Amino acid sequence: MSESTFDRDFYVYDANHRFAPMYPLLARQIVEDLGVSQGLCLDVGTGSAAVIIELAKITPMAMVGLDAKPEVLELARENVARHGLPEQRFRFLEADVTAIPLESGSVDLLISRGSVPFWDDHVAAFAELYRVLAPGGAGMVGCGFSRYQPLEEVRAMRPKWTDDGEKDTRNNWKAEGYLPRVLSEAGIADATVTMDAYGVWVTLRKA
């Protein structure tokens, strides 16, 4: 991953976080849309671990948070304690999305929100995500917000660079036809791409 800046405050997940109203809604949407609430959940580019913290509140799943930055993972562990969740339900791994240190077919629920713009090799990343996904498992990978939020709230939360199009290289992955090509090259047949006012999401399933 090529993101170079580190905004410590952004990785402190409490009631003051600028996305705090969104994460519980996104967690509920993930469970309801994908229909997976048992087994192992992997959050790639976990950051503050907000998504798996909220998933841990509504499911009994074991949580794994992966990030390439050790300083981010340290804050993620602090956030788990901040939300009063048992630390034994969480495991944090320092690794790149193209080299996930988990067995093939071991992940029942796969999540990645917000890290896709910073991946250097999307084909390798999606191939690796699909490798660790278990048969019968499902994943939601992309960048955006929950459709359970009012659109005006989403527009207020959205970072300004997401509207800059080709002017900002972090938007390149959203170009027309790009994700279908990446998914094809990664050998993933069972995937859908959703692009709407809430964001861009790839839903993965493995038969």
N, C-alpha and C. Protein backbone atom coordinates (compact mmCIF):
# COMPACT_ATOMS: atom_id res chain seq x y z
N MET A 1 0.84 -1.18 0.00
CA MET A 1 0.00 0.00 0.00
C MET A 1 0.89 1.24 0.00
N SER A 2 0.41 2.27 -0.66
CA SER A 2 1.29 3.40 -0.88
C SER A 2 0.90 4.66 -0.13
N GLU A 3 -0.12 4.61 0.73
CA GLU A 3 -0.49 5.79 1.49
C GLU A 3 0.67 6.18 2.40
N SER A 4 1.07 7.47 2.38
CA SER A 4 2.28 7.87 3.08
C SER A 4 2.03 8.68 4.35
N THR A 5 0.86 9.32 4.48
CA THR A 5 0.61 10.17 5.63
C THR A 5 -0.04 9.37 6.75
N PHE A 6 0.10 9.88 7.98
CA PHE A 6 -0.48 9.22 9.14
C PHE A 6 -1.16 10.26 10.01
N ASP A 7 -2.47 10.27 9.97
CA ASP A 7 -3.28 11.17 10.77
C ASP A 7 -3.75 10.41 12.00
N ARG A 8 -3.05 10.56 13.12
CA ARG A 8 -3.34 9.76 14.30
C ARG A 8 -4.79 9.90 14.76
N ASP A 9 -5.30 11.12 14.74
CA ASP A 9 -6.66 11.34 15.23
C ASP A 9 -7.69 10.55 14.44
N PHE A 10 -7.44 10.34 13.15
CA PHE A 10 -8.39 9.60 12.32
C PHE A 10 -8.51 8.15 12.75
N TYR A 11 -7.48 7.62 13.39
CA TYR A 11 -7.49 6.21 13.79
C TYR A 11 -7.94 5.99 15.22
N VAL A 12 -8.34 7.06 15.90
CA VAL A 12 -8.94 6.93 17.22
C VAL A 12 -10.45 6.85 17.03
N TYR A 13 -11.00 5.68 17.26
CA TYR A 13 -12.42 5.48 17.00
C TYR A 13 -13.22 5.65 18.28
N ASP A 14 -13.82 6.83 18.41
CA ASP A 14 -14.70 7.11 19.53
C ASP A 14 -15.89 7.91 19.00
N ALA A 15 -16.70 8.44 19.88
CA ALA A 15 -17.91 9.15 19.47
C ALA A 15 -17.60 10.41 18.67
N ASN A 16 -16.37 10.91 18.76
CA ASN A 16 -15.99 12.12 18.06
C ASN A 16 -15.44 11.86 16.65
N HIS A 17 -15.25 10.60 16.29
CA HIS A 17 -14.73 10.28 14.97
C HIS A 17 -15.70 10.79 13.90
N ARG A 18 -15.16 11.32 12.81
CA ARG A 18 -16.04 11.95 11.82
C ARG A 18 -16.94 10.97 11.10
N PHE A 19 -16.61 9.67 11.15
CA PHE A 19 -17.47 8.66 10.55
C PHE A 19 -18.23 7.85 11.60
N ALA A 20 -18.23 8.30 12.84
CA ALA A 20 -18.84 7.52 13.93
C ALA A 20 -20.29 7.13 13.66
N PRO A 21 -21.13 7.99 13.09
CA PRO A 21 -22.52 7.58 12.85
C PRO A 21 -22.66 6.51 11.77
N MET A 22 -21.65 6.39 10.91
CA MET A 22 -21.74 5.50 9.76
C MET A 22 -21.41 4.05 10.09
N TYR A 23 -20.37 3.82 10.89
CA TYR A 23 -19.86 2.46 11.08
C TYR A 23 -20.90 1.45 11.61
N PRO A 24 -21.71 1.79 12.61
CA PRO A 24 -22.72 0.81 13.05
C PRO A 24 -23.72 0.48 11.95
N LEU A 25 -24.08 1.46 11.14
CA LEU A 25 -25.02 1.23 10.04
C LEU A 25 -24.40 0.37 8.96
N LEU A 26 -23.11 0.61 8.66
CA LEU A 26 -22.43 -0.20 7.66
C LEU A 26 -22.30 -1.64 8.12
N ALA A 27 -21.99 -1.84 9.39
CA ALA A 27 -21.88 -3.20 9.93
C ALA A 27 -23.20 -3.94 9.78
N ARG A 28 -24.29 -3.29 10.11
CA ARG A 28 -25.60 -3.93 9.97
C ARG A 28 -25.91 -4.24 8.51
N GLN A 29 -25.57 -3.32 7.62
CA GLN A 29 -25.80 -3.55 6.19
C GLN A 29 -24.99 -4.74 5.68
N ILE A 30 -23.74 -4.84 6.12
CA ILE A 30 -22.88 -5.94 5.70
C ILE A 30 -23.50 -7.28 6.06
N VAL A 31 -23.94 -7.42 7.30
CA VAL A 31 -24.53 -8.68 7.76
C VAL A 31 -25.82 -8.97 7.00
N GLU A 32 -26.66 -7.96 6.83
CA GLU A 32 -27.95 -8.18 6.18
C GLU A 32 -27.78 -8.46 4.68
N ASP A 33 -26.84 -7.78 4.02
CA ASP A 33 -26.65 -7.97 2.59
C ASP A 33 -25.95 -9.29 2.26
N LEU A 34 -24.92 -9.61 3.04
CA LEU A 34 -24.11 -10.79 2.72
C LEU A 34 -24.62 -12.06 3.38
N GLY A 35 -25.38 -11.93 4.45
CA GLY A 35 -25.95 -13.10 5.10
C GLY A 35 -24.94 -13.98 5.81
N VAL A 36 -23.82 -13.40 6.23
CA VAL A 36 -22.79 -14.15 6.94
C VAL A 36 -22.60 -13.53 8.32
N SER A 37 -22.76 -14.33 9.36
CA SER A 37 -22.61 -13.81 10.72
C SER A 37 -21.93 -14.81 11.66
N GLN A 38 -21.35 -15.88 11.09
CA GLN A 38 -20.66 -16.89 11.88
C GLN A 38 -19.29 -17.15 11.27
N GLY A 39 -18.35 -17.57 12.12
CA GLY A 39 -17.02 -17.94 11.64
C GLY A 39 -16.00 -16.83 11.79
N LEU A 40 -15.13 -16.71 10.78
CA LEU A 40 -14.02 -15.77 10.84
C LEU A 40 -14.26 -14.59 9.90
N CYS A 41 -14.06 -13.39 10.41
CA CYS A 41 -14.19 -12.17 9.63
C CYS A 41 -12.82 -11.51 9.48
N LEU A 42 -12.46 -11.16 8.25
CA LEU A 42 -11.20 -10.48 7.97
C LEU A 42 -11.49 -9.08 7.44
N ASP A 43 -10.88 -8.09 8.07
CA ASP A 43 -10.99 -6.69 7.64
C ASP A 43 -9.63 -6.24 7.11
N VAL A 44 -9.55 -6.01 5.80
CA VAL A 44 -8.29 -5.64 5.15
C VAL A 44 -8.17 -4.12 5.09
N GLY A 45 -7.02 -3.61 5.55
CA GLY A 45 -6.87 -2.16 5.69
C GLY A 45 -7.73 -1.70 6.85
N THR A 46 -7.62 -2.42 7.95
CA THR A 46 -8.56 -2.24 9.07
C THR A 46 -8.52 -0.85 9.67
N GLY A 47 -7.37 -0.16 9.60
CA GLY A 47 -7.30 1.19 10.15
C GLY A 47 -7.64 1.20 11.63
N SER A 48 -8.68 1.94 11.98
CA SER A 48 -9.11 2.05 13.38
C SER A 48 -9.79 0.79 13.89
N ALA A 49 -10.06 -0.15 13.01
CA ALA A 49 -10.81 -1.38 13.32
C ALA A 49 -12.28 -1.09 13.58
N ALA A 50 -12.75 0.07 13.16
CA ALA A 50 -14.13 0.47 13.44
C ALA A 50 -15.15 -0.52 12.88
N VAL A 51 -14.90 -1.02 11.65
CA VAL A 51 -15.87 -1.93 11.04
C VAL A 51 -15.99 -3.23 11.84
N ILE A 52 -14.86 -3.83 12.19
CA ILE A 52 -14.94 -5.09 12.93
C ILE A 52 -15.35 -4.88 14.40
N ILE A 53 -15.08 -3.71 14.94
CA ILE A 53 -15.59 -3.40 16.28
C ILE A 53 -17.12 -3.42 16.26
N GLU A 54 -17.70 -2.78 15.25
CA GLU A 54 -19.17 -2.74 15.17
C GLU A 54 -19.74 -4.10 14.79
N LEU A 55 -19.04 -4.85 13.95
CA LEU A 55 -19.50 -6.21 13.63
C LEU A 55 -19.45 -7.11 14.86
N ALA A 56 -18.44 -6.89 15.71
CA ALA A 56 -18.31 -7.71 16.93
C ALA A 56 -19.45 -7.45 17.91
N LYS A 57 -20.08 -6.30 17.80
CA LYS A 57 -21.20 -5.97 18.68
C LYS A 57 -22.49 -6.66 18.27
N ILE A 58 -22.57 -7.10 17.00
CA ILE A 58 -23.84 -7.67 16.51
C ILE A 58 -23.70 -9.10 16.00
N THR A 59 -22.48 -9.65 16.04
CA THR A 59 -22.27 -11.04 15.65
C THR A 59 -21.29 -11.68 16.65
N PRO A 60 -21.24 -13.03 16.69
CA PRO A 60 -20.28 -13.72 17.55
C PRO A 60 -18.98 -14.06 16.83
N MET A 61 -18.74 -13.48 15.64
CA MET A 61 -17.60 -13.85 14.82
C MET A 61 -16.27 -13.52 15.47
N ALA A 62 -15.25 -14.30 15.13
CA ALA A 62 -13.87 -13.97 15.47
C ALA A 62 -13.37 -12.96 14.44
N MET A 63 -12.65 -11.94 14.88
CA MET A 63 -12.26 -10.84 14.02
C MET A 63 -10.75 -10.80 13.80
N VAL A 64 -10.36 -10.59 12.54
CA VAL A 64 -8.96 -10.37 12.19
C VAL A 64 -8.87 -9.04 11.46
N GLY A 65 -8.02 -8.16 11.94
CA GLY A 65 -7.78 -6.88 11.29
C GLY A 65 -6.38 -6.86 10.70
N LEU A 66 -6.29 -6.59 9.41
CA LEU A 66 -5.00 -6.55 8.72
C LEU A 66 -4.69 -5.14 8.26
N ASP A 67 -3.46 -4.70 8.50
CA ASP A 67 -3.03 -3.39 8.04
C ASP A 67 -1.51 -3.42 7.87
N ALA A 68 -1.02 -2.58 6.96
CA ALA A 68 0.42 -2.56 6.70
C ALA A 68 1.18 -1.66 7.67
N LYS A 69 0.46 -0.91 8.49
CA LYS A 69 1.11 0.06 9.39
C LYS A 69 1.03 -0.39 10.84
N PRO A 70 2.17 -0.67 11.47
CA PRO A 70 2.13 -1.12 12.87
C PRO A 70 1.56 -0.07 13.82
N GLU A 71 1.80 1.22 13.54
CA GLU A 71 1.29 2.27 14.42
C GLU A 71 -0.24 2.33 14.37
N VAL A 72 -0.81 1.99 13.22
CA VAL A 72 -2.26 1.95 13.08
C VAL A 72 -2.83 0.76 13.87
N LEU A 73 -2.17 -0.37 13.80
CA LEU A 73 -2.64 -1.55 14.52
C LEU A 73 -2.61 -1.34 16.02
N GLU A 74 -1.64 -0.61 16.51
CA GLU A 74 -1.59 -0.32 17.94
C GLU A 74 -2.81 0.49 18.37
N LEU A 75 -3.20 1.45 17.56
CA LEU A 75 -4.40 2.24 17.86
C LEU A 75 -5.66 1.39 17.72
N ALA A 76 -5.66 0.46 16.77
CA ALA A 76 -6.81 -0.43 16.61
C ALA A 76 -7.03 -1.25 17.88
N ARG A 77 -5.95 -1.75 18.45
CA ARG A 77 -6.06 -2.52 19.69
C ARG A 77 -6.62 -1.64 20.81
N GLU A 78 -6.18 -0.40 20.87
CA GLU A 78 -6.70 0.52 21.88
C GLU A 78 -8.19 0.77 21.67
N ASN A 79 -8.62 0.83 20.42
CA ASN A 79 -10.03 1.07 20.14
C ASN A 79 -10.90 -0.10 20.60
N VAL A 80 -10.40 -1.31 20.44
CA VAL A 80 -11.14 -2.49 20.92
C VAL A 80 -11.40 -2.35 22.42
N ALA A 81 -10.37 -1.99 23.16
CA ALA A 81 -10.52 -1.80 24.61
C ALA A 81 -11.45 -0.62 24.91
N ARG A 82 -11.34 0.42 24.12
CA ARG A 82 -12.17 1.62 24.32
C ARG A 82 -13.65 1.29 24.21
N HIS A 83 -13.98 0.32 23.35
CA HIS A 83 -15.37 -0.06 23.17
C HIS A 83 -15.79 -1.22 24.07
N GLY A 84 -14.91 -1.61 24.98
CA GLY A 84 -15.26 -2.61 25.98
C GLY A 84 -15.44 -4.01 25.45
N LEU A 85 -14.76 -4.31 24.35
CA LEU A 85 -14.88 -5.64 23.74
C LEU A 85 -13.72 -6.53 24.20
N PRO A 86 -13.95 -7.83 24.32
CA PRO A 86 -12.88 -8.74 24.77
C PRO A 86 -11.78 -8.85 23.72
N GLU A 87 -10.56 -8.60 24.14
CA GLU A 87 -9.45 -8.58 23.19
C GLU A 87 -9.20 -9.93 22.55
N GLN A 88 -9.61 -11.02 23.22
CA GLN A 88 -9.37 -12.35 22.66
C GLN A 88 -10.20 -12.64 21.42
N ARG A 89 -11.19 -11.82 21.16
CA ARG A 89 -11.99 -11.99 19.93
C ARG A 89 -11.31 -11.36 18.72
N PHE A 90 -10.23 -10.63 18.94
CA PHE A 90 -9.58 -9.89 17.87
C PHE A 90 -8.14 -10.34 17.70
N ARG A 91 -7.73 -10.43 16.44
CA ARG A 91 -6.33 -10.68 16.12
C ARG A 91 -5.92 -9.65 15.07
N PHE A 92 -4.75 -9.06 15.22
CA PHE A 92 -4.30 -8.04 14.29
C PHE A 92 -3.00 -8.48 13.61
N LEU A 93 -2.98 -8.33 12.28
CA LEU A 93 -1.85 -8.78 11.47
C LEU A 93 -1.26 -7.61 10.70
N GLU A 94 0.06 -7.49 10.76
CA GLU A 94 0.77 -6.49 9.96
C GLU A 94 1.19 -7.15 8.65
N ALA A 95 0.55 -6.77 7.56
CA ALA A 95 0.84 -7.39 6.26
C ALA A 95 0.21 -6.57 5.15
N ASP A 96 0.65 -6.85 3.93
CA ASP A 96 0.09 -6.20 2.75
C ASP A 96 -1.06 -7.04 2.21
N VAL A 97 -1.98 -6.40 1.53
CA VAL A 97 -3.14 -7.10 0.98
C VAL A 97 -2.74 -8.17 -0.04
N THR A 98 -1.58 -8.04 -0.66
CA THR A 98 -1.14 -9.03 -1.65
C THR A 98 -0.44 -10.23 -1.02
N ALA A 99 -0.29 -10.22 0.31
CA ALA A 99 0.38 -11.34 1.00
C ALA A 99 -0.26 -11.53 2.37
N ILE A 100 -1.49 -12.00 2.37
CA ILE A 100 -2.25 -12.17 3.60
C ILE A 100 -1.82 -13.47 4.30
N PRO A 101 -1.35 -13.38 5.54
CA PRO A 101 -0.84 -14.57 6.23
C PRO A 101 -1.94 -15.42 6.86
N LEU A 102 -2.89 -15.85 6.02
CA LEU A 102 -3.97 -16.74 6.44
C LEU A 102 -4.09 -17.87 5.44
N GLU A 103 -4.61 -19.00 5.88
CA GLU A 103 -4.76 -20.16 5.01
C GLU A 103 -5.82 -19.91 3.94
N SER A 104 -5.66 -20.54 2.81
CA SER A 104 -6.65 -20.45 1.74
C SER A 104 -7.99 -20.98 2.23
N GLY A 105 -9.06 -20.28 1.88
CA GLY A 105 -10.40 -20.73 2.24
C GLY A 105 -10.72 -20.64 3.71
N SER A 106 -10.07 -19.75 4.45
CA SER A 106 -10.26 -19.70 5.90
C SER A 106 -11.16 -18.56 6.36
N VAL A 107 -11.54 -17.66 5.46
CA VAL A 107 -12.27 -16.45 5.86
C VAL A 107 -13.73 -16.55 5.40
N ASP A 108 -14.65 -16.45 6.35
CA ASP A 108 -16.07 -16.55 6.03
C ASP A 108 -16.66 -15.21 5.59
N LEU A 109 -16.22 -14.13 6.22
CA LEU A 109 -16.71 -12.79 5.89
C LEU A 109 -15.50 -11.89 5.65
N LEU A 110 -15.45 -11.31 4.47
CA LEU A 110 -14.31 -10.49 4.07
C LEU A 110 -14.76 -9.05 3.89
N ILE A 111 -14.08 -8.13 4.56
CA ILE A 111 -14.44 -6.72 4.50
C ILE A 111 -13.20 -5.87 4.20
N SER A 112 -13.37 -4.89 3.36
CA SER A 112 -12.33 -3.88 3.18
C SER A 112 -13.01 -2.59 2.78
N ARG A 113 -12.99 -1.61 3.67
CA ARG A 113 -13.60 -0.33 3.39
C ARG A 113 -12.55 0.77 3.44
N GLY A 114 -12.33 1.41 2.29
CA GLY A 114 -11.49 2.60 2.26
C GLY A 114 -10.03 2.39 1.93
N SER A 115 -9.57 1.13 1.83
CA SER A 115 -8.15 0.93 1.54
C SER A 115 -7.86 0.70 0.06
N VAL A 116 -8.90 0.38 -0.73
CA VAL A 116 -8.70 0.08 -2.15
C VAL A 116 -7.97 1.19 -2.91
N PRO A 117 -8.24 2.47 -2.65
CA PRO A 117 -7.54 3.52 -3.41
C PRO A 117 -6.03 3.51 -3.20
N PHE A 118 -5.56 2.85 -2.17
CA PHE A 118 -4.14 2.88 -1.83
C PHE A 118 -3.41 1.59 -2.19
N TRP A 119 -4.10 0.64 -2.83
CA TRP A 119 -3.44 -0.60 -3.24
C TRP A 119 -2.63 -0.36 -4.50
N ASP A 120 -1.43 -0.91 -4.53
CA ASP A 120 -0.53 -0.74 -5.68
C ASP A 120 -0.85 -1.69 -6.82
N ASP A 121 -1.36 -2.88 -6.51
CA ASP A 121 -1.63 -3.90 -7.53
C ASP A 121 -3.01 -4.49 -7.26
N HIS A 122 -4.02 -3.97 -7.93
CA HIS A 122 -5.39 -4.40 -7.67
C HIS A 122 -5.64 -5.85 -8.09
N VAL A 123 -5.04 -6.29 -9.18
CA VAL A 123 -5.23 -7.67 -9.62
C VAL A 123 -4.69 -8.64 -8.56
N ALA A 124 -3.48 -8.41 -8.11
CA ALA A 124 -2.87 -9.27 -7.09
C ALA A 124 -3.66 -9.21 -5.79
N ALA A 125 -4.15 -8.02 -5.44
CA ALA A 125 -4.90 -7.86 -4.20
C ALA A 125 -6.21 -8.65 -4.23
N PHE A 126 -6.97 -8.49 -5.31
CA PHE A 126 -8.24 -9.21 -5.38
C PHE A 126 -8.03 -10.72 -5.48
N ALA A 127 -6.99 -11.15 -6.18
CA ALA A 127 -6.69 -12.58 -6.25
C ALA A 127 -6.38 -13.13 -4.86
N GLU A 128 -5.67 -12.36 -4.06
CA GLU A 128 -5.32 -12.80 -2.70
C GLU A 128 -6.56 -12.81 -1.80
N LEU A 129 -7.41 -11.82 -1.94
CA LEU A 129 -8.64 -11.80 -1.16
C LEU A 129 -9.50 -13.01 -1.50
N TYR A 130 -9.59 -13.34 -2.77
CA TYR A 130 -10.39 -14.48 -3.19
C TYR A 130 -9.78 -15.80 -2.70
N ARG A 131 -8.46 -15.84 -2.63
CA ARG A 131 -7.78 -17.04 -2.14
C ARG A 131 -8.19 -17.37 -0.71
N VAL A 132 -8.23 -16.36 0.15
CA VAL A 132 -8.50 -16.63 1.57
C VAL A 132 -9.99 -16.79 1.86
N LEU A 133 -10.85 -16.39 0.92
CA LEU A 133 -12.29 -16.50 1.12
C LEU A 133 -12.71 -17.97 1.12
N ALA A 134 -13.53 -18.34 2.08
CA ALA A 134 -13.97 -19.73 2.22
C ALA A 134 -15.10 -20.04 1.24
N PRO A 135 -15.22 -21.28 0.82
CA PRO A 135 -16.40 -21.69 0.04
C PRO A 135 -17.67 -21.35 0.83
N GLY A 136 -18.61 -20.70 0.18
CA GLY A 136 -19.81 -20.26 0.86
C GLY A 136 -19.64 -18.91 1.55
N GLY A 137 -18.43 -18.37 1.51
CA GLY A 137 -18.16 -17.08 2.13
C GLY A 137 -18.53 -15.93 1.21
N ALA A 138 -18.48 -14.72 1.76
CA ALA A 138 -18.82 -13.53 0.99
C ALA A 138 -17.99 -12.36 1.45
N GLY A 139 -17.80 -11.42 0.55
CA GLY A 139 -16.98 -10.25 0.88
C GLY A 139 -17.56 -8.97 0.30
N MET A 140 -17.25 -7.86 0.94
CA MET A 140 -17.66 -6.54 0.49
C MET A 140 -16.42 -5.66 0.53
N VAL A 141 -15.97 -5.23 -0.65
CA VAL A 141 -14.71 -4.52 -0.78
C VAL A 141 -14.96 -3.23 -1.55
N GLY A 142 -14.50 -2.12 -1.01
CA GLY A 142 -14.69 -0.88 -1.74
C GLY A 142 -14.47 0.35 -0.89
N CYS A 143 -15.19 1.38 -1.25
CA CYS A 143 -15.00 2.67 -0.59
C CYS A 143 -16.33 3.41 -0.62
N GLY A 144 -16.84 3.76 0.54
CA GLY A 144 -18.11 4.46 0.55
C GLY A 144 -18.78 4.39 1.90
N PHE A 145 -20.10 4.55 1.89
CA PHE A 145 -20.87 4.68 3.11
C PHE A 145 -22.07 3.74 3.07
N SER A 146 -22.81 3.69 4.16
CA SER A 146 -23.95 2.80 4.24
C SER A 146 -25.18 3.43 3.59
N ARG A 147 -25.93 2.62 2.88
CA ARG A 147 -27.15 3.13 2.27
C ARG A 147 -28.24 3.38 3.32
N TYR A 148 -27.99 2.98 4.57
CA TYR A 148 -28.94 3.28 5.64
C TYR A 148 -28.78 4.72 6.15
N GLN A 149 -27.80 5.43 5.64
CA GLN A 149 -27.60 6.83 6.01
C GLN A 149 -28.38 7.75 5.08
N PRO A 150 -28.81 8.90 5.56
CA PRO A 150 -29.37 9.91 4.67
C PRO A 150 -28.29 10.39 3.70
N LEU A 151 -28.66 10.61 2.45
CA LEU A 151 -27.67 11.02 1.45
C LEU A 151 -27.00 12.33 1.80
N GLU A 152 -27.73 13.24 2.44
CA GLU A 152 -27.11 14.52 2.80
C GLU A 152 -26.00 14.32 3.82
N GLU A 153 -26.16 13.33 4.70
CA GLU A 153 -25.12 13.00 5.67
C GLU A 153 -23.92 12.40 4.96
N VAL A 154 -24.17 11.52 3.99
CA VAL A 154 -23.10 10.92 3.21
C VAL A 154 -22.30 11.98 2.48
N ARG A 155 -22.98 12.91 1.83
CA ARG A 155 -22.29 13.97 1.08
C ARG A 155 -21.43 14.82 2.00
N ALA A 156 -21.89 15.05 3.22
CA ALA A 156 -21.11 15.86 4.17
C ALA A 156 -19.88 15.12 4.66
N MET A 157 -19.96 13.79 4.75
CA MET A 157 -18.85 12.98 5.25
C MET A 157 -17.80 12.69 4.18
N ARG A 158 -18.22 12.66 2.93
CA ARG A 158 -17.33 12.20 1.86
C ARG A 158 -16.10 13.10 1.73
N PRO A 159 -14.88 12.52 1.71
CA PRO A 159 -13.67 13.33 1.52
C PRO A 159 -13.70 14.06 0.18
N LYS A 160 -13.18 15.27 0.14
CA LYS A 160 -13.26 16.09 -1.06
C LYS A 160 -12.55 15.46 -2.25
N TRP A 161 -11.46 14.72 -2.01
CA TRP A 161 -10.69 14.17 -3.13
C TRP A 161 -11.46 13.14 -3.93
N THR A 162 -12.51 12.56 -3.34
CA THR A 162 -13.27 11.54 -4.06
C THR A 162 -14.05 12.12 -5.23
N ASP A 163 -14.25 13.42 -5.22
CA ASP A 163 -14.98 14.09 -6.32
C ASP A 163 -14.05 14.71 -7.35
N ASP A 164 -12.74 14.50 -7.20
CA ASP A 164 -11.78 15.13 -8.10
C ASP A 164 -11.51 14.33 -9.38
N GLY A 165 -12.10 13.14 -9.47
CA GLY A 165 -11.94 12.34 -10.68
C GLY A 165 -10.49 12.05 -11.00
N GLU A 166 -10.14 12.18 -12.28
CA GLU A 166 -8.80 11.85 -12.74
C GLU A 166 -7.72 12.78 -12.18
N LYS A 167 -8.12 13.88 -11.60
CA LYS A 167 -7.15 14.81 -11.01
C LYS A 167 -6.43 14.18 -9.81
N ASP A 168 -7.05 13.19 -9.21
CA ASP A 168 -6.46 12.53 -8.03
C ASP A 168 -6.33 11.04 -8.35
N THR A 169 -5.12 10.53 -8.29
CA THR A 169 -4.87 9.13 -8.67
C THR A 169 -5.59 8.14 -7.76
N ARG A 170 -6.02 8.57 -6.58
CA ARG A 170 -6.75 7.68 -5.68
C ARG A 170 -8.12 7.29 -6.24
N ASN A 171 -8.54 7.98 -7.30
CA ASN A 171 -9.82 7.67 -7.92
C ASN A 171 -9.69 6.76 -9.14
N ASN A 172 -8.47 6.40 -9.52
CA ASN A 172 -8.27 5.63 -10.76
C ASN A 172 -9.02 4.30 -10.77
N TRP A 173 -9.14 3.66 -9.63
CA TRP A 173 -9.77 2.35 -9.54
C TRP A 173 -11.28 2.41 -9.84
N LYS A 174 -11.85 3.62 -9.84
CA LYS A 174 -13.28 3.77 -10.10
C LYS A 174 -13.59 4.04 -11.57
N ALA A 175 -12.58 4.09 -12.42
CA ALA A 175 -12.79 4.38 -13.84
C ALA A 175 -13.67 3.31 -14.48
N GLU A 176 -14.45 3.71 -15.46
CA GLU A 176 -15.37 2.79 -16.12
C GLU A 176 -14.63 1.58 -16.71
N GLY A 177 -15.10 0.41 -16.38
CA GLY A 177 -14.53 -0.82 -16.90
C GLY A 177 -13.31 -1.33 -16.15
N TYR A 178 -12.77 -0.53 -15.24
CA TYR A 178 -11.53 -0.93 -14.57
C TYR A 178 -11.74 -2.14 -13.65
N LEU A 179 -12.72 -2.06 -12.78
CA LEU A 179 -12.93 -3.17 -11.83
C LEU A 179 -13.33 -4.47 -12.51
N PRO A 180 -14.23 -4.46 -13.50
CA PRO A 180 -14.51 -5.73 -14.20
C PRO A 180 -13.27 -6.36 -14.81
N ARG A 181 -12.38 -5.53 -15.36
CA ARG A 181 -11.15 -6.06 -15.94
C ARG A 181 -10.25 -6.65 -14.84
N VAL A 182 -10.11 -5.94 -13.73
CA VAL A 182 -9.30 -6.42 -12.62
C VAL A 182 -9.83 -7.75 -12.09
N LEU A 183 -11.13 -7.83 -11.89
CA LEU A 183 -11.73 -9.05 -11.36
C LEU A 183 -11.54 -10.22 -12.32
N SER A 184 -11.65 -9.95 -13.62
CA SER A 184 -11.43 -11.00 -14.62
C SER A 184 -9.99 -11.49 -14.59
N GLU A 185 -9.04 -10.56 -14.53
CA GLU A 185 -7.63 -10.94 -14.50
C GLU A 185 -7.26 -11.65 -13.20
N ALA A 186 -7.99 -11.36 -12.14
CA ALA A 186 -7.75 -12.03 -10.86
C ALA A 186 -8.41 -13.39 -10.80
N GLY A 187 -9.16 -13.76 -11.85
CA GLY A 187 -9.79 -15.07 -11.89
C GLY A 187 -11.05 -15.18 -11.06
N ILE A 188 -11.72 -14.05 -10.85
CA ILE A 188 -12.92 -14.04 -10.02
C ILE A 188 -14.14 -13.89 -10.91
N ALA A 189 -14.98 -14.92 -10.92
CA ALA A 189 -16.16 -14.91 -11.78
C ALA A 189 -17.41 -14.44 -11.03
N ASP A 190 -17.50 -14.80 -9.75
CA ASP A 190 -18.71 -14.50 -8.98
C ASP A 190 -18.52 -13.21 -8.19
N ALA A 191 -18.69 -12.08 -8.88
CA ALA A 191 -18.54 -10.78 -8.25
C ALA A 191 -19.46 -9.78 -8.93
N THR A 192 -19.93 -8.82 -8.16
CA THR A 192 -20.74 -7.74 -8.70
C THR A 192 -20.15 -6.41 -8.26
N VAL A 193 -20.25 -5.43 -9.13
CA VAL A 193 -19.76 -4.09 -8.84
C VAL A 193 -20.94 -3.13 -8.74
N THR A 194 -21.03 -2.43 -7.63
CA THR A 194 -22.10 -1.45 -7.43
C THR A 194 -21.48 -0.06 -7.32
N MET A 195 -21.95 0.86 -8.16
CA MET A 195 -21.48 2.25 -8.13
C MET A 195 -22.71 3.14 -8.03
N ASP A 196 -22.85 3.84 -6.91
CA ASP A 196 -23.99 4.74 -6.73
C ASP A 196 -23.60 5.91 -5.84
N ALA A 197 -24.57 6.65 -5.37
CA ALA A 197 -24.30 7.85 -4.58
C ALA A 197 -23.65 7.53 -3.25
N TYR A 198 -23.72 6.27 -2.82
CA TYR A 198 -23.13 5.89 -1.53
C TYR A 198 -21.68 5.45 -1.65
N GLY A 199 -21.23 5.11 -2.86
CA GLY A 199 -19.85 4.70 -3.04
C GLY A 199 -19.71 3.65 -4.11
N VAL A 200 -18.57 2.99 -4.10
CA VAL A 200 -18.26 1.92 -5.05
C VAL A 200 -17.90 0.67 -4.25
N TRP A 201 -18.63 -0.40 -4.51
CA TRP A 201 -18.43 -1.64 -3.75
C TRP A 201 -18.37 -2.84 -4.67
N VAL A 202 -17.49 -3.76 -4.37
CA VAL A 202 -17.42 -5.06 -5.04
C VAL A 202 -17.89 -6.11 -4.06
N THR A 203 -18.90 -6.87 -4.46
CA THR A 203 -19.38 -7.98 -3.64
C THR A 203 -18.80 -9.27 -4.20
N LEU A 204 -18.10 -10.02 -3.36
CA LEU A 204 -17.47 -11.28 -3.76
C LEU A 204 -18.19 -12.45 -3.10
N ARG A 205 -18.33 -13.54 -3.84
CA ARG A 205 -18.85 -14.77 -3.27
C ARG A 205 -18.05 -15.93 -3.84
N LYS A 206 -17.92 -16.98 -3.05
CA LYS A 206 -17.24 -18.18 -3.50
C LYS A 206 -18.18 -19.37 -3.31
N ALA A 207 -18.48 -20.05 -4.41
CA ALA A 207 -19.43 -21.17 -4.34
C ALA A 207 -18.87 -22.29 -3.49
